[in-house]
Amino acid sequence: MINIDEEPMNQDWVKQGWDLPPYKSKAFRSIVSNLSKFRKLPIYKMAVRNGLIKNDKWTGKKIP
C-alpha cells in the first residue's frame, strides 16, 4: 500500500507554494498564533528550502 503522506516532501503535495501573508507579518500573525508549531509544518520547511524564509525571517516578496 502506498502512503503519499509518508515522506515529509509529500505531506503537503497539493500545496506547493506559499499562499499565506508574508511570514511574521501582522496579517500572518492573525492567522497563525503558534509559530513553534508552524515551523514544524511542511509549508514552513518548503519556504525555507525555497529561500522565502532565512534565519526565521521573511525574505520573500514584500507586500505593501
C-alpha atoms as a PDB file:
ATOM      1  CA  MET A   1       0.000   0.000   0.000  1.00  0.00           C
ATOM      2  CA  ILE A   2       1.294   3.462  -0.904  1.00  0.00           C
ATOM      3  CA  ASN A   3       1.045   6.274   1.641  1.00  0.00           C
ATOM      4  CA  ILE A   4       1.648   9.562  -0.195  1.00  0.00           C
ATOM      5  CA  ASP A   5       1.988  11.437   3.107  1.00  0.00           C
ATOM      6  CA  GLU A   6       4.689   9.125   4.460  1.00  0.00           C
ATOM      7  CA  GLU A   7       7.640  11.238   3.314  1.00  0.00           C
ATOM      8  CA  PRO A   8       7.926  14.868   4.541  1.00  0.00           C
ATOM      9  CA  MET A   9       8.256  16.205   0.967  1.00  0.00           C
ATOM     10  CA  ASN A  10       4.899  14.646   0.085  1.00  0.00           C
ATOM     11  CA  GLN A  11       2.900  15.617   3.153  1.00  0.00           C
ATOM     12  CA  ASP A  12       1.743  18.868   1.644  1.00  0.00           C
ATOM     13  CA  TRP A  13       1.909  17.846  -2.016  1.00  0.00           C
ATOM     14  CA  VAL A  14      -1.234  19.723  -3.068  1.00  0.00           C
ATOM     15  CA  LYS A  15       0.121  22.984  -1.658  1.00  0.00           C
ATOM     16  CA  GLN A  16       3.493  23.503  -3.316  1.00  0.00           C
ATOM     17  CA  GLY A  17       3.692  27.283  -2.976  1.00  0.00           C
ATOM     18  CA  TRP A  18       3.377  29.944  -0.328  1.00  0.00           C
ATOM     19  CA  ASP A  19      -0.118  31.447  -0.438  1.00  0.00           C
ATOM     20  CA  LEU A  20      -0.050  32.931   3.051  1.00  0.00           C
ATOM     21  CA  PRO A  21       0.753  36.522   4.006  1.00  0.00           C
ATOM     22  CA  PRO A  22       4.478  37.196   4.499  1.00  0.00           C
ATOM     23  CA  TYR A  23       5.878  35.226   7.425  1.00  0.00           C
ATOM     24  CA  LYS A  24       5.553  37.040  10.774  1.00  0.00           C
ATOM     25  CA  SER A  25       3.647  39.945   9.221  1.00  0.00           C
ATOM     26  CA  LYS A  26       0.624  41.331  11.053  1.00  0.00           C
ATOM     27  CA  ALA A  27      -1.698  39.519   8.629  1.00  0.00           C
ATOM     28  CA  PHE A  28       0.228  36.261   9.094  1.00  0.00           C
ATOM     29  CA  ARG A  29       0.081  36.540  12.897  1.00  0.00           C
ATOM     30  CA  SER A  30      -3.688  36.998  12.710  1.00  0.00           C
ATOM     31  CA  ILE A  31      -3.880  33.528  11.091  1.00  0.00           C
ATOM     32  CA  VAL A  32      -1.070  31.675  12.871  1.00  0.00           C
ATOM     33  CA  SER A  33      -0.815  32.030  16.640  1.00  0.00           C
ATOM     34  CA  ASN A  34       1.759  29.332  17.430  1.00  0.00           C
ATOM     35  CA  LEU A  35       4.988  29.857  15.498  1.00  0.00           C
ATOM     36  CA  SER A  36       6.803  26.913  17.081  1.00  0.00           C
ATOM     37  CA  LYS A  37       4.141  24.513  15.781  1.00  0.00           C
ATOM     38  CA  PHE A  38       4.045  26.277  12.406  1.00  0.00           C
ATOM     39  CA  ARG A  39       7.826  25.841  11.986  1.00  0.00           C
ATOM     40  CA  LYS A  40       7.318  22.069  12.035  1.00  0.00           C
ATOM     41  CA  LEU A  41       4.855  22.095   9.122  1.00  0.00           C
ATOM     42  CA  PRO A  42       5.864  21.155   5.582  1.00  0.00           C
ATOM     43  CA  ILE A  43       4.850  24.601   4.251  1.00  0.00           C
ATOM     44  CA  TYR A  44       7.402  26.291   6.550  1.00  0.00           C
ATOM     45  CA  LYS A  45      10.137  23.813   5.648  1.00  0.00           C
ATOM     46  CA  MET A  46       9.357  24.265   1.961  1.00  0.00           C
ATOM     47  CA  ALA A  47       9.575  28.059   2.308  1.00  0.00           C
ATOM     48  CA  VAL A  48      12.992  27.693   3.963  1.00  0.00           C
ATOM     49  CA  ARG A  49      14.208  25.363   1.178  1.00  0.00           C
ATOM     50  CA  ASN A  50      12.929  27.803  -1.446  1.00  0.00           C
ATOM     51  CA  GLY A  51      14.661  30.775   0.213  1.00  0.00           C
ATOM     52  CA  LEU A  52      11.499  32.613   1.253  1.00  0.00           C
ATOM     53  CA  ILE A  53      12.485  32.336   4.910  1.00  0.00           C
ATOM     54  CA  LYS A  54      16.099  32.621   6.076  1.00  0.00           C
ATOM     55  CA  ASN A  55      17.182  32.634   9.722  1.00  0.00           C
ATOM     56  CA  ASP A  56      13.482  32.624  10.644  1.00  0.00           C
ATOM     57  CA  LYS A  57      12.911  35.924   8.805  1.00  0.00           C
ATOM     58  CA  TRP A  58      10.802  36.539   5.692  1.00  0.00           C
ATOM     59  CA  THR A  59      12.960  37.229   2.637  1.00  0.00           C
ATOM     60  CA  GLY A  60      10.227  36.822   0.057  1.00  0.00           C
ATOM     61  CA  LYS A  61       8.295  39.476  -1.767  1.00  0.00           C
ATOM     62  CA  LYS A  62       7.210  42.443   0.331  1.00  0.00           C
ATOM     63  CA  ILE A  63       3.529  43.262   0.269  1.00  0.00           C
ATOM     64  CA  PRO A  64       2.651  46.905   0.965  1.00  0.00           C
END
